[in-house]
Amino acid sequence: MTKNDFKEYCEENNLRYKKDACGDPISPSRRGSKNDQLYWTGTDQIGIYAERETKKKFTFLKKKLLEAGAQPNQDGDTDGTFMASKSDALAIAKILGCVKNRMSQETRDKMSTLLKERWYND
């Protein structure tokens, strides 16, 4: 899988997409301070990074990820990396919060226009 393939995979499956500090593509979580993400590995599998504040919270999350089809790659006390197939990565993206909300482009454009009007008419 190339970087462009990963980008297309994210777009097709409504996943967040951006480049990290090194310029490699990732699909970050939307959940505030969490650093969870799916990342491009250069292989047919998708990498997963997950982190929690405590060992207990990470153990609970790790159990969910393993049930969803993730295979551990590196395992720490409060964080770890995993590998998953493209199909399993979609379920994992939902667990981590990497999926965008489902809204049509037409609705997004209307909301954007309304917000701009309110912003400039104050």
PDB file of N, CA and C in Angstrom:
ATOM      1  N   MET A   1       0.846  -1.177   0.000  1.00  0.00           N
ATOM      2  CA  MET A   1       0.000   0.000   0.000  1.00  0.00           C
ATOM      3  C   MET A   1       0.893   1.242   0.000  1.00  0.00           C
ATOM      4  N   THR A   2       0.643   2.127  -0.929  1.00  0.00           N
ATOM      5  CA  THR A   2       1.395   3.376  -0.995  1.00  0.00           C
ATOM      6  C   THR A   2       0.720   4.426  -0.118  1.00  0.00           C
ATOM      7  N   LYS A   3       1.379   5.561   0.033  1.00  0.00           N
ATOM      8  CA  LYS A   3       0.798   6.656   0.809  1.00  0.00           C
ATOM      9  C   LYS A   3      -0.507   7.132   0.177  1.00  0.00           C
ATOM     10  N   ASN A   4      -0.543   7.186  -1.147  1.00  0.00           N
ATOM     11  CA  ASN A   4      -1.771   7.593  -1.834  1.00  0.00           C
ATOM     12  C   ASN A   4      -2.887   6.578  -1.630  1.00  0.00           C
ATOM     13  N   ASP A   5      -2.537   5.294  -1.600  1.00  0.00           N
ATOM     14  CA  ASP A   5      -3.536   4.251  -1.334  1.00  0.00           C
ATOM     15  C   ASP A   5      -4.132   4.430   0.062  1.00  0.00           C
ATOM     16  N   PHE A   6      -3.282   4.771   1.029  1.00  0.00           N
ATOM     17  CA  PHE A   6      -3.770   4.994   2.395  1.00  0.00           C
ATOM     18  C   PHE A   6      -4.715   6.196   2.428  1.00  0.00           C
ATOM     19  N   LYS A   7      -4.355   7.252   1.709  1.00  0.00           N
ATOM     20  CA  LYS A   7      -5.218   8.439   1.650  1.00  0.00           C
ATOM     21  C   LYS A   7      -6.572   8.078   1.032  1.00  0.00           C
ATOM     22  N   GLU A   8      -6.560   7.340  -0.064  1.00  0.00           N
ATOM     23  CA  GLU A   8      -7.806   6.920  -0.709  1.00  0.00           C
ATOM     24  C   GLU A   8      -8.621   6.022   0.217  1.00  0.00           C
ATOM     25  N   TYR A   9      -7.955   5.137   0.941  1.00  0.00           N
ATOM     26  CA  TYR A   9      -8.632   4.265   1.908  1.00  0.00           C
ATOM     27  C   TYR A   9      -9.352   5.108   2.964  1.00  0.00           C
ATOM     28  N   CYS A  10      -8.684   6.132   3.466  1.00  0.00           N
ATOM     29  CA  CYS A  10      -9.292   7.021   4.465  1.00  0.00           C
ATOM     30  C   CYS A  10     -10.484   7.764   3.873  1.00  0.00           C
ATOM     31  N   GLU A  11     -10.334   8.293   2.672  1.00  0.00           N
ATOM     32  CA  GLU A  11     -11.424   9.043   2.047  1.00  0.00           C
ATOM     33  C   GLU A  11     -12.624   8.144   1.758  1.00  0.00           C
ATOM     34  N   GLU A  12     -12.383   6.942   1.240  1.00  0.00           N
ATOM     35  CA  GLU A  12     -13.466   6.019   0.907  1.00  0.00           C
ATOM     36  C   GLU A  12     -14.235   5.559   2.139  1.00  0.00           C
ATOM     37  N   ASN A  13     -13.549   5.466   3.265  1.00  0.00           N
ATOM     38  CA  ASN A  13     -14.170   4.944   4.483  1.00  0.00           C
ATOM     39  C   ASN A  13     -14.504   6.019   5.503  1.00  0.00           C
ATOM     40  N   ASN A  14     -14.480   7.284   5.077  1.00  0.00           N
ATOM     41  CA  ASN A  14     -14.875   8.412   5.911  1.00  0.00           C
ATOM     42  C   ASN A  14     -14.017   8.518   7.176  1.00  0.00           C
ATOM     43  N   LEU A  15     -12.713   8.308   7.026  1.00  0.00           N
ATOM     44  CA  LEU A  15     -11.786   8.418   8.143  1.00  0.00           C
ATOM     45  C   LEU A  15     -11.066   9.765   8.081  1.00  0.00           C
ATOM     46  N   ARG A  16     -10.712  10.283   9.230  1.00  0.00           N
ATOM     47  CA  ARG A  16      -9.912  11.510   9.270  1.00  0.00           C
ATOM     48  C   ARG A  16      -8.568  11.230   8.605  1.00  0.00           C
ATOM     49  N   TYR A  17      -7.981  12.264   8.016  1.00  0.00           N
ATOM     50  CA  TYR A  17      -6.697  12.080   7.333  1.00  0.00           C
ATOM     51  C   TYR A  17      -5.858  13.330   7.509  1.00  0.00           C
ATOM     52  N   LYS A  18      -4.591  13.139   7.829  1.00  0.00           N
ATOM     53  CA  LYS A  18      -3.625  14.231   7.826  1.00  0.00           C
ATOM     54  C   LYS A  18      -2.231  13.636   7.784  1.00  0.00           C
ATOM     55  N   LYS A  19      -1.237  14.475   7.672  1.00  0.00           N
ATOM     56  CA  LYS A  19       0.148  14.007   7.685  1.00  0.00           C
ATOM     57  C   LYS A  19       0.764  14.349   9.031  1.00  0.00           C
ATOM     58  N   ASP A  20       1.597  13.453   9.529  1.00  0.00           N
ATOM     59  CA  ASP A  20       2.265  13.707  10.800  1.00  0.00           C
ATOM     60  C   ASP A  20       3.472  14.610  10.591  1.00  0.00           C
ATOM     61  N   ALA A  21       4.249  14.827  11.626  1.00  0.00           N
ATOM     62  CA  ALA A  21       5.398  15.723  11.551  1.00  0.00           C
ATOM     63  C   ALA A  21       6.445  15.269  10.541  1.00  0.00           C
ATOM     64  N   CYS A  22       6.511  13.982  10.279  1.00  0.00           N
ATOM     65  CA  CYS A  22       7.474  13.440   9.314  1.00  0.00           C
ATOM     66  C   CYS A  22       6.928  13.427   7.885  1.00  0.00           C
ATOM     67  N   GLY A  23       5.662  13.786   7.719  1.00  0.00           N
ATOM     68  CA  GLY A  23       5.056  13.772   6.392  1.00  0.00           C
ATOM     69  C   GLY A  23       4.399  12.457   6.032  1.00  0.00           C
ATOM     70  N   ASP A  24       4.343  11.525   6.983  1.00  0.00           N
ATOM     71  CA  ASP A  24       3.685  10.245   6.736  1.00  0.00           C
ATOM     72  C   ASP A  24       2.191  10.372   7.036  1.00  0.00           C
ATOM     73  N   PRO A  25       1.329   9.701   6.270  1.00  0.00           N
ATOM     74  CA  PRO A  25      -0.109   9.820   6.475  1.00  0.00           C
ATOM     75  C   PRO A  25      -0.594   9.067   7.711  1.00  0.00           C
ATOM     76  N   ILE A  26      -1.533   9.698   8.430  1.00  0.00           N
ATOM     77  CA  ILE A  26      -2.171   9.076   9.591  1.00  0.00           C
ATOM     78  C   ILE A  26      -3.662   9.381   9.568  1.00  0.00           C
ATOM     79  N   SER A  27      -4.398   8.646  10.355  1.00  0.00           N
ATOM     80  CA  SER A  27      -5.807   8.917  10.595  1.00  0.00           C
ATOM     81  C   SER A  27      -5.952   9.117  12.102  1.00  0.00           C
ATOM     82  N   PRO A  28      -5.912  10.385  12.559  1.00  0.00           N
ATOM     83  CA  PRO A  28      -5.912  10.648  13.999  1.00  0.00           C
ATOM     84  C   PRO A  28      -7.290  10.508  14.632  1.00  0.00           C
ATOM     85  N   SER A  29      -7.287  10.331  15.943  1.00  0.00           N
ATOM     86  CA  SER A  29      -8.513  10.291  16.716  1.00  0.00           C
ATOM     87  C   SER A  29      -9.030  11.706  16.908  1.00  0.00           C
ATOM     88  N   ARG A  30     -10.315  11.851  17.089  1.00  0.00           N
ATOM     89  CA  ARG A  30     -10.885  13.172  17.332  1.00  0.00           C
ATOM     90  C   ARG A  30     -11.007  13.464  18.817  1.00  0.00           C
ATOM     91  N   ARG A  31     -10.664  12.537  19.633  1.00  0.00           N
ATOM     92  CA  ARG A  31     -10.932  12.636  21.063  1.00  0.00           C
ATOM     93  C   ARG A  31      -9.851  13.398  21.811  1.00  0.00           C
ATOM     94  N   GLY A  32      -9.905  14.700  21.749  1.00  0.00           N
ATOM     95  CA  GLY A  32      -9.093  15.595  22.560  1.00  0.00           C
ATOM     96  C   GLY A  32      -7.643  15.224  22.761  1.00  0.00           C
ATOM     97  N   SER A  33      -7.293  14.895  23.988  1.00  0.00           N
ATOM     98  CA  SER A  33      -5.890  14.670  24.336  1.00  0.00           C
ATOM     99  C   SER A  33      -5.384  13.284  23.953  1.00  0.00           C
ATOM    100  N   LYS A  34      -6.251  12.445  23.463  1.00  0.00           N
ATOM    101  CA  LYS A  34      -5.825  11.104  23.079  1.00  0.00           C
ATOM    102  C   LYS A  34      -4.970  11.164  21.810  1.00  0.00           C
ATOM    103  N   ASN A  35      -3.914  10.384  21.789  1.00  0.00           N
ATOM    104  CA  ASN A  35      -3.018  10.350  20.635  1.00  0.00           C
ATOM    105  C   ASN A  35      -3.263   9.127  19.759  1.00  0.00           C
ATOM    106  N   ASP A  36      -4.419   8.507  19.903  1.00  0.00           N
ATOM    107  CA  ASP A  36      -4.725   7.305  19.130  1.00  0.00           C
ATOM    108  C   ASP A  36      -4.745   7.630  17.645  1.00  0.00           C
ATOM    109  N   GLN A  37      -4.296   6.675  16.847  1.00  0.00           N
ATOM    110  CA  GLN A  37      -4.295   6.900  15.396  1.00  0.00           C
ATOM    111  C   GLN A  37      -4.108   5.601  14.633  1.00  0.00           C
ATOM    112  N   LEU A  38      -4.570   5.612  13.394  1.00  0.00           N
ATOM    113  CA  LEU A  38      -4.213   4.592  12.420  1.00  0.00           C
ATOM    114  C   LEU A  38      -3.080   5.203  11.621  1.00  0.00           C
ATOM    115  N   TYR A  39      -2.131   4.386  11.183  1.00  0.00           N
ATOM    116  CA  TYR A  39      -1.027   4.958  10.418  1.00  0.00           C
ATOM    117  C   TYR A  39      -0.599   4.034   9.285  1.00  0.00           C
ATOM    118  N   TRP A  40      -0.005   4.652   8.287  1.00  0.00           N
ATOM    119  CA  TRP A  40       0.500   3.958   7.103  1.00  0.00           C
ATOM    120  C   TRP A  40       1.756   3.200   7.482  1.00  0.00           C
ATOM    121  N   THR A  41       1.840   1.931   7.067  1.00  0.00           N
ATOM    122  CA  THR A  41       3.006   1.105   7.395  1.00  0.00           C
ATOM    123  C   THR A  41       3.859   0.773   6.182  1.00  0.00           C
ATOM    124  N   GLY A  42       3.341   1.013   4.996  1.00  0.00           N
ATOM    125  CA  GLY A  42       4.062   0.639   3.790  1.00  0.00           C
ATOM    126  C   GLY A  42       3.811  -0.797   3.376  1.00  0.00           C
ATOM    127  N   THR A  43       2.964  -1.497   4.129  1.00  0.00           N
ATOM    128  CA  THR A  43       2.593  -2.877   3.793  1.00  0.00           C
ATOM    129  C   THR A  43       1.085  -2.913   3.535  1.00  0.00           C
ATOM    130  N   ASP A  44       0.544  -4.099   3.344  1.00  0.00           N
ATOM    131  CA  ASP A  44      -0.902  -4.229   3.149  1.00  0.00           C
ATOM    132  C   ASP A  44      -1.680  -4.069   4.445  1.00  0.00           C
ATOM    133  N   GLN A  45      -0.990  -4.114   5.566  1.00  0.00           N
ATOM    134  CA  GLN A  45      -1.665  -3.946   6.847  1.00  0.00           C
ATOM    135  C   GLN A  45      -1.608  -2.489   7.291  1.00  0.00           C
ATOM    136  N   ILE A  46      -2.498  -2.143   8.210  1.00  0.00           N
ATOM    137  CA  ILE A  46      -2.571  -0.781   8.738  1.00  0.00           C
ATOM    138  C   ILE A  46      -2.093  -0.807  10.182  1.00  0.00           C
ATOM    139  N   GLY A  47      -1.273   0.167  10.533  1.00  0.00           N
ATOM    140  CA  GLY A  47      -0.758   0.263  11.885  1.00  0.00           C
ATOM    141  C   GLY A  47      -1.726   1.011  12.789  1.00  0.00           C
ATOM    142  N   ILE A  48      -1.692   0.679  14.066  1.00  0.00           N
ATOM    143  CA  ILE A  48      -2.563   1.300  15.059  1.00  0.00           C
ATOM    144  C   ILE A  48      -1.695   1.696  16.248  1.00  0.00           C
ATOM    145  N   TYR A  49      -1.851   2.936  16.693  1.00  0.00           N
ATOM    146  CA  TYR A  49      -1.193   3.360  17.922  1.00  0.00           C
ATOM    147  C   TYR A  49      -2.287   3.763  18.894  1.00  0.00           C
ATOM    148  N   ALA A  50      -2.234   3.230  20.106  1.00  0.00           N
ATOM    149  CA  ALA A  50      -3.225   3.550  21.130  1.00  0.00           C
ATOM    150  C   ALA A  50      -2.515   3.823  22.447  1.00  0.00           C
ATOM    151  N   GLU A  51      -3.078   4.765  23.197  1.00  0.00           N
ATOM    152  CA  GLU A  51      -2.469   5.175  24.455  1.00  0.00           C
ATOM    153  C   GLU A  51      -3.566   5.573  25.437  1.00  0.00           C
ATOM    154  N   ARG A  52      -3.371   5.267  26.708  1.00  0.00           N
ATOM    155  CA  ARG A  52      -4.281   5.680  27.760  1.00  0.00           C
ATOM    156  C   ARG A  52      -3.486   6.181  28.957  1.00  0.00           C
ATOM    157  N   GLU A  53      -4.167   6.884  29.858  1.00  0.00           N
ATOM    158  CA  GLU A  53      -3.502   7.512  30.998  1.00  0.00           C
ATOM    159  C   GLU A  53      -3.027   6.499  32.034  1.00  0.00           C
ATOM    160  N   THR A  54      -3.770   5.423  32.200  1.00  0.00           N
ATOM    161  CA  THR A  54      -3.418   4.430  33.216  1.00  0.00           C
ATOM    162  C   THR A  54      -3.290   3.040  32.600  1.00  0.00           C
ATOM    163  N   LYS A  55      -2.628   2.174  33.333  1.00  0.00           N
ATOM    164  CA  LYS A  55      -2.444   0.799  32.869  1.00  0.00           C
ATOM    165  C   LYS A  55      -3.791   0.081  32.764  1.00  0.00           C
ATOM    166  N   LYS A  56      -4.678   0.333  33.712  1.00  0.00           N
ATOM    167  CA  LYS A  56      -5.992  -0.313  33.718  1.00  0.00           C
ATOM    168  C   LYS A  56      -6.804   0.099  32.486  1.00  0.00           C
ATOM    169  N   LYS A  57      -6.817   1.391  32.158  1.00  0.00           N
ATOM    170  CA  LYS A  57      -7.559   1.870  30.986  1.00  0.00           C
ATOM    171  C   LYS A  57      -6.971   1.298  29.703  1.00  0.00           C
ATOM    172  N   PHE A  58      -5.645   1.213  29.632  1.00  0.00           N
ATOM    173  CA  PHE A  58      -5.026   0.663  28.425  1.00  0.00           C
ATOM    174  C   PHE A  58      -5.336  -0.825  28.281  1.00  0.00           C
ATOM    175  N   THR A  59      -5.336  -1.556  29.385  1.00  0.00           N
ATOM    176  CA  THR A  59      -5.645  -2.983  29.341  1.00  0.00           C
ATOM    177  C   THR A  59      -7.059  -3.202  28.810  1.00  0.00           C
ATOM    178  N   PHE A  60      -7.993  -2.370  29.244  1.00  0.00           N
ATOM    179  CA  PHE A  60      -9.371  -2.471  28.766  1.00  0.00           C
ATOM    180  C   PHE A  60      -9.450  -2.179  27.268  1.00  0.00           C
ATOM    181  N   LEU A  61      -8.768  -1.108  26.817  1.00  0.00           N
ATOM    182  CA  LEU A  61      -8.764  -0.762  25.396  1.00  0.00           C
ATOM    183  C   LEU A  61      -8.082  -1.860  24.575  1.00  0.00           C
ATOM    184  N   LYS A  62      -6.976  -2.372  25.079  1.00  0.00           N
ATOM    185  CA  LYS A  62      -6.233  -3.423  24.370  1.00  0.00           C
ATOM    186  C   LYS A  62      -7.114  -4.648  24.143  1.00  0.00           C
ATOM    187  N   LYS A  63      -7.916  -5.004  25.131  1.00  0.00           N
ATOM    188  CA  LYS A  63      -8.828  -6.137  24.999  1.00  0.00           C
ATOM    189  C   LYS A  63      -9.821  -5.885  23.867  1.00  0.00           C
ATOM    190  N   LYS A  64     -10.366  -4.669  23.793  1.00  0.00           N
ATOM    191  CA  LYS A  64     -11.310  -4.328  22.717  1.00  0.00           C
ATOM    192  C   LYS A  64     -10.637  -4.414  21.349  1.00  0.00           C
ATOM    193  N   LEU A  65      -9.400  -3.912  21.258  1.00  0.00           N
ATOM    194  CA  LEU A  65      -8.682  -3.923  19.979  1.00  0.00           C
ATOM    195  C   LEU A  65      -8.385  -5.346  19.522  1.00  0.00           C
ATOM    196  N   LEU A  66      -7.972  -6.192  20.444  1.00  0.00           N
ATOM    197  CA  LEU A  66      -7.681  -7.581  20.098  1.00  0.00           C
ATOM    198  C   LEU A  66      -8.943  -8.321  19.650  1.00  0.00           C
ATOM    199  N   GLU A  67     -10.069  -8.036  20.295  1.00  0.00           N
ATOM    200  CA  GLU A  67     -11.337  -8.649  19.892  1.00  0.00           C
ATOM    201  C   GLU A  67     -11.758  -8.184  18.497  1.00  0.00           C
ATOM    202  N   ALA A  68     -11.366  -6.953  18.130  1.00  0.00           N
ATOM    203  CA  ALA A  68     -11.725  -6.399  16.815  1.00  0.00           C
ATOM    204  C   ALA A  68     -10.780  -6.884  15.716  1.00  0.00           C
ATOM    205  N   GLY A  69      -9.744  -7.636  16.057  1.00  0.00           N
ATOM    206  CA  GLY A  69      -8.864  -8.209  15.042  1.00  0.00           C
ATOM    207  C   GLY A  69      -7.457  -7.644  14.991  1.00  0.00           C
ATOM    208  N   ALA A  70      -7.107  -6.761  15.912  1.00  0.00           N
ATOM    209  CA  ALA A  70      -5.750  -6.206  15.931  1.00  0.00           C
ATOM    210  C   ALA A  70      -4.762  -7.253  16.452  1.00  0.00           C
ATOM    211  N   GLN A  71      -3.536  -7.206  15.916  1.00  0.00           N
ATOM    212  CA  GLN A  71      -2.475  -8.087  16.380  1.00  0.00           C
ATOM    213  C   GLN A  71      -1.405  -7.208  17.032  1.00  0.00           C
ATOM    214  N   PRO A  72      -1.009  -7.518  18.270  1.00  0.00           N
ATOM    215  CA  PRO A  72      -0.031  -6.673  18.961  1.00  0.00           C
ATOM    216  C   PRO A  72       1.318  -6.657  18.246  1.00  0.00           C
ATOM    217  N   ASN A  73       1.918  -5.487  18.200  1.00  0.00           N
ATOM    218  CA  ASN A  73       3.230  -5.315  17.596  1.00  0.00           C
ATOM    219  C   ASN A  73       4.226  -4.942  18.697  1.00  0.00           C
ATOM    220  N   GLN A  74       3.928  -3.885  19.441  1.00  0.00           N
ATOM    221  CA  GLN A  74       4.708  -3.498  20.621  1.00  0.00           C
ATOM    222  C   GLN A  74       3.722  -3.211  21.737  1.00  0.00           C
ATOM    223  N   ASP A  75       4.020  -3.688  22.928  1.00  0.00           N
ATOM    224  CA  ASP A  75       3.078  -3.569  24.029  1.00  0.00           C
ATOM    225  C   ASP A  75       3.772  -2.959  25.230  1.00  0.00           C
ATOM    226  N   GLY A  76       3.257  -1.825  25.687  1.00  0.00           N
ATOM    227  CA  GLY A  76       3.803  -1.185  26.875  1.00  0.00           C
ATOM    228  C   GLY A  76       2.774  -1.191  27.992  1.00  0.00           C
ATOM    229  N   ASP A  77       3.070  -0.461  29.082  1.00  0.00           N
ATOM    230  CA  ASP A  77       2.131  -0.403  30.195  1.00  0.00           C
ATOM    231  C   ASP A  77       0.904   0.439  29.862  1.00  0.00           C
ATOM    232  N   THR A  78       1.119   1.593  29.220  1.00  0.00           N
ATOM    233  CA  THR A  78      -0.004   2.493  28.940  1.00  0.00           C
ATOM    234  C   THR A  78      -0.162   2.817  27.460  1.00  0.00           C
ATOM    235  N   ASP A  79       0.648   2.215  26.611  1.00  0.00           N
ATOM    236  CA  ASP A  79       0.498   2.437  25.165  1.00  0.00           C
ATOM    237  C   ASP A  79       1.015   1.234  24.402  1.00  0.00           C
ATOM    238  N   GLY A  80       0.655   1.180  23.120  1.00  0.00           N
ATOM    239  CA  GLY A  80       1.099   0.069  22.306  1.00  0.00           C
ATOM    240  C   GLY A  80       0.795   0.294  20.844  1.00  0.00           C
ATOM    241  N   THR A  81       1.448  -0.506  20.000  1.00  0.00           N
ATOM    242  CA  THR A  81       1.167  -0.478  18.573  1.00  0.00           C
ATOM    243  C   THR A  81       0.638  -1.843  18.166  1.00  0.00           C
ATOM    244  N   PHE A  82      -0.231  -1.815  17.173  1.00  0.00           N
ATOM    245  CA  PHE A  82      -0.871  -3.026  16.696  1.00  0.00           C
ATOM    246  C   PHE A  82      -0.895  -2.986  15.175  1.00  0.00           C
ATOM    247  N   MET A  83      -1.168  -4.119  14.563  1.00  0.00           N
ATOM    248  CA  MET A  83      -1.340  -4.222  13.115  1.00  0.00           C
ATOM    249  C   MET A  83      -2.715  -4.839  12.863  1.00  0.00           C
ATOM    250  N   ALA A  84      -3.334  -4.428  11.742  1.00  0.00           N
ATOM    251  CA  ALA A  84      -4.646  -4.973  11.400  1.00  0.00           C
ATOM    252  C   ALA A  84      -4.837  -4.952   9.890  1.00  0.00           C
ATOM    253  N   SER A  85      -5.700  -5.822   9.407  1.00  0.00           N
ATOM    254  CA  SER A  85      -6.057  -5.807   7.989  1.00  0.00           C
ATOM    255  C   SER A  85      -6.939  -4.587   7.722  1.00  0.00           C
ATOM    256  N   LYS A  86      -7.137  -4.275   6.455  1.00  0.00           N
ATOM    257  CA  LYS A  86      -7.957  -3.116   6.100  1.00  0.00           C
ATOM    258  C   LYS A  86      -9.375  -3.249   6.640  1.00  0.00           C
ATOM    259  N   SER A  87      -9.956  -4.428   6.549  1.00  0.00           N
ATOM    260  CA  SER A  87     -11.337  -4.602   7.021  1.00  0.00           C
ATOM    261  C   SER A  87     -11.437  -4.501   8.538  1.00  0.00           C
ATOM    262  N   ASP A  88     -10.481  -5.079   9.261  1.00  0.00           N
ATOM    263  CA  ASP A  88     -10.488  -4.981  10.722  1.00  0.00           C
ATOM    264  C   ASP A  88     -10.194  -3.555  11.181  1.00  0.00           C
ATOM    265  N   ALA A  89      -9.413  -2.824  10.411  1.00  0.00           N
ATOM    266  CA  ALA A  89      -9.051  -1.456  10.783  1.00  0.00           C
ATOM    267  C   ALA A  89     -10.271  -0.538  10.823  1.00  0.00           C
ATOM    268  N   LEU A  90     -11.304  -0.840  10.059  1.00  0.00           N
ATOM    269  CA  LEU A  90     -12.509  -0.003  10.083  1.00  0.00           C
ATOM    270  C   LEU A  90     -13.221  -0.098  11.426  1.00  0.00           C
ATOM    271  N   ALA A  91     -13.341  -1.307  11.962  1.00  0.00           N
ATOM    272  CA  ALA A  91     -13.956  -1.474  13.280  1.00  0.00           C
ATOM    273  C   ALA A  91     -13.094  -0.818  14.355  1.00  0.00           C
ATOM    274  N   ILE A  92     -11.795  -0.922  14.206  1.00  0.00           N
ATOM    275  CA  ILE A  92     -10.877  -0.327  15.169  1.00  0.00           C
ATOM    276  C   ILE A  92     -10.935   1.195  15.097  1.00  0.00           C
ATOM    277  N   ALA A  93     -11.096   1.745  13.891  1.00  0.00           N
ATOM    278  CA  ALA A  93     -11.218   3.193  13.725  1.00  0.00           C
ATOM    279  C   ALA A  93     -12.425   3.717  14.491  1.00  0.00           C
ATOM    280  N   LYS A  94     -13.503   2.959  14.508  1.00  0.00           N
ATOM    281  CA  LYS A  94     -14.689   3.371  15.267  1.00  0.00           C
ATOM    282  C   LYS A  94     -14.408   3.361  16.764  1.00  0.00           C
ATOM    283  N   ILE A  95     -13.692   2.355  17.228  1.00  0.00           N
ATOM    284  CA  ILE A  95     -13.353   2.263  18.651  1.00  0.00           C
ATOM    285  C   ILE A  95     -12.488   3.455  19.067  1.00  0.00           C
ATOM    286  N   LEU A  96     -11.517   3.813  18.232  1.00  0.00           N
ATOM    287  CA  LEU A  96     -10.578   4.889  18.563  1.00  0.00           C
ATOM    288  C   LEU A  96     -11.128   6.281  18.264  1.00  0.00           C
ATOM    289  N   GLY A  97     -12.163   6.377  17.445  1.00  0.00           N
ATOM    290  CA  GLY A  97     -12.728   7.681  17.111  1.00  0.00           C
ATOM    291  C   GLY A  97     -12.058   8.350  15.932  1.00  0.00           C
ATOM    292  N   CYS A  98     -11.587   7.590  14.981  1.00  0.00           N
ATOM    293  CA  CYS A  98     -10.946   8.140  13.786  1.00  0.00           C
ATOM    294  C   CYS A  98     -11.944   8.381  12.657  1.00  0.00           C
ATOM    295  N   VAL A  99     -13.193   7.972  12.860  1.00  0.00           N
ATOM    296  CA  VAL A  99     -14.217   8.099  11.825  1.00  0.00           C
ATOM    297  C   VAL A  99     -14.861   9.475  11.918  1.00  0.00           C
ATOM    298  N   LYS A 100     -15.040  10.111  10.766  1.00  0.00           N
ATOM    299  CA  LYS A 100     -15.733  11.394  10.720  1.00  0.00           C
ATOM    300  C   LYS A 100     -17.227  11.150  10.858  1.00  0.00           C
ATOM    301  N   ASN A 101     -17.954  12.211  11.257  1.00  0.00           N
ATOM    302  CA  ASN A 101     -19.406  12.056  11.298  1.00  0.00           C
ATOM    303  C   ASN A 101     -19.948  11.972   9.877  1.00  0.00           C
ATOM    304  N   ARG A 102     -21.041  11.288   9.717  1.00  0.00           N
ATOM    305  CA  ARG A 102     -21.631  11.077   8.388  1.00  0.00           C
ATOM    306  C   ARG A 102     -22.568  12.231   8.069  1.00  0.00           C
ATOM    307  N   MET A 103     -22.089  13.138   7.246  1.00  0.00           N
ATOM    308  CA  MET A 103     -22.877  14.279   6.837  1.00  0.00           C
ATOM    309  C   MET A 103     -22.607  14.517   5.359  1.00  0.00           C
ATOM    310  N   SER A 104     -23.644  14.786   4.614  1.00  0.00           N
ATOM    311  CA  SER A 104     -23.462  14.999   3.185  1.00  0.00           C
ATOM    312  C   SER A 104     -22.686  16.291   2.933  1.00  0.00           C
ATOM    313  N   GLN A 105     -22.024  16.347   1.804  1.00  0.00           N
ATOM    314  CA  GLN A 105     -21.266  17.542   1.444  1.00  0.00           C
ATOM    315  C   GLN A 105     -22.189  18.739   1.305  1.00  0.00           C
ATOM    316  N   GLU A 106     -23.408  18.525   0.830  1.00  0.00           N
ATOM    317  CA  GLU A 106     -24.386  19.605   0.677  1.00  0.00           C
ATOM    318  C   GLU A 106     -24.706  20.227   2.041  1.00  0.00           C
ATOM    319  N   THR A 107     -24.925  19.383   3.050  1.00  0.00           N
ATOM    320  CA  THR A 107     -25.212  19.875   4.394  1.00  0.00           C
ATOM    321  C   THR A 107     -23.998  20.603   4.969  1.00  0.00           C
ATOM    322  N   ARG A 108     -22.807  20.076   4.745  1.00  0.00           N
ATOM    323  CA  ARG A 108     -21.587  20.747   5.211  1.00  0.00           C
ATOM    324  C   ARG A 108     -21.453  22.137   4.604  1.00  0.00           C
ATOM    325  N   ASP A 109     -21.737  22.236   3.290  1.00  0.00           N
ATOM    326  CA  ASP A 109     -21.639  23.534   2.614  1.00  0.00           C
ATOM    327  C   ASP A 109     -22.655  24.529   3.168  1.00  0.00           C
ATOM    328  N   LYS A 110     -23.885  24.075   3.424  1.00  0.00           N
ATOM    329  CA  LYS A 110     -24.908  24.960   3.999  1.00  0.00           C
ATOM    330  C   LYS A 110     -24.484  25.460   5.372  1.00  0.00           C
ATOM    331  N   MET A 111     -23.980  24.543   6.192  1.00  0.00           N
ATOM    332  CA  MET A 111     -23.554  24.926   7.541  1.00  0.00           C
ATOM    333  C   MET A 111     -22.377  25.888   7.482  1.00  0.00           C
ATOM    334  N   SER A 112     -21.473  25.661   6.571  1.00  0.00           N
ATOM    335  CA  SER A 112     -20.327  26.540   6.413  1.00  0.00           C
ATOM    336  C   SER A 112     -20.766  27.943   6.003  1.00  0.00           C
ATOM    337  N   THR A 113     -21.715  28.018   5.069  1.00  0.00           N
ATOM    338  CA  THR A 113     -22.227  29.310   4.620  1.00  0.00           C
ATOM    339  C   THR A 113     -22.917  30.045   5.762  1.00  0.00           C
ATOM    340  N   LEU A 114     -23.755  29.347   6.510  1.00  0.00           N
ATOM    341  CA  LEU A 114     -24.444  29.968   7.647  1.00  0.00           C
ATOM    342  C   LEU A 114     -23.452  30.470   8.690  1.00  0.00           C
ATOM    343  N   LEU A 115     -22.447  29.681   8.969  1.00  0.00           N
ATOM    344  CA  LEU A 115     -21.446  30.081   9.952  1.00  0.00           C
ATOM    345  C   LEU A 115     -20.686  31.318   9.499  1.00  0.00           C
ATOM    346  N   LYS A 116     -20.317  31.368   8.226  1.00  0.00           N
ATOM    347  CA  LYS A 116     -19.618  32.545   7.696  1.00  0.00           C
ATOM    348  C   LYS A 116     -20.492  33.782   7.767  1.00  0.00           C
ATOM    349  N   GLU A 117     -21.796  33.624   7.453  1.00  0.00           N
ATOM    350  CA  GLU A 117     -22.715  34.760   7.525  1.00  0.00           C
ATOM    351  C   GLU A 117     -22.821  35.274   8.952  1.00  0.00           C
ATOM    352  N   ARG A 118     -22.954  34.383   9.899  1.00  0.00           N
ATOM    353  CA  ARG A 118     -23.045  34.786  11.315  1.00  0.00           C
ATOM    354  C   ARG A 118     -21.745  35.433  11.780  1.00  0.00           C
ATOM    355  N   TRP A 119     -20.644  34.897  11.335  1.00  0.00           N
ATOM    356  CA  TRP A 119     -19.340  35.397  11.754  1.00  0.00           C
ATOM    357  C   TRP A 119     -19.122  36.848  11.291  1.00  0.00           C
ATOM    358  N   TYR A 120     -19.481  37.115  10.041  1.00  0.00           N
ATOM    359  CA  TYR A 120     -19.211  38.434   9.470  1.00  0.00           C
ATOM    360  C   TYR A 120     -20.340  39.430   9.688  1.00  0.00           C
ATOM    361  N   ASN A 121     -21.483  39.003  10.229  1.00  0.00           N
ATOM    362  CA  ASN A 121     -22.599  39.916  10.451  1.00  0.00           C
ATOM    363  C   ASN A 121     -22.748  40.336  11.890  1.00  0.00           C
ATOM    364  N   ASP A 122     -21.787  40.076  12.725  1.00  0.00           N
ATOM    365  CA  ASP A 122     -21.872  40.474  14.153  1.00  0.00           C
ATOM    366  C   ASP A 122     -21.662  41.915  14.346  1.00  0.00           C
TER     367      ASP A 122
END
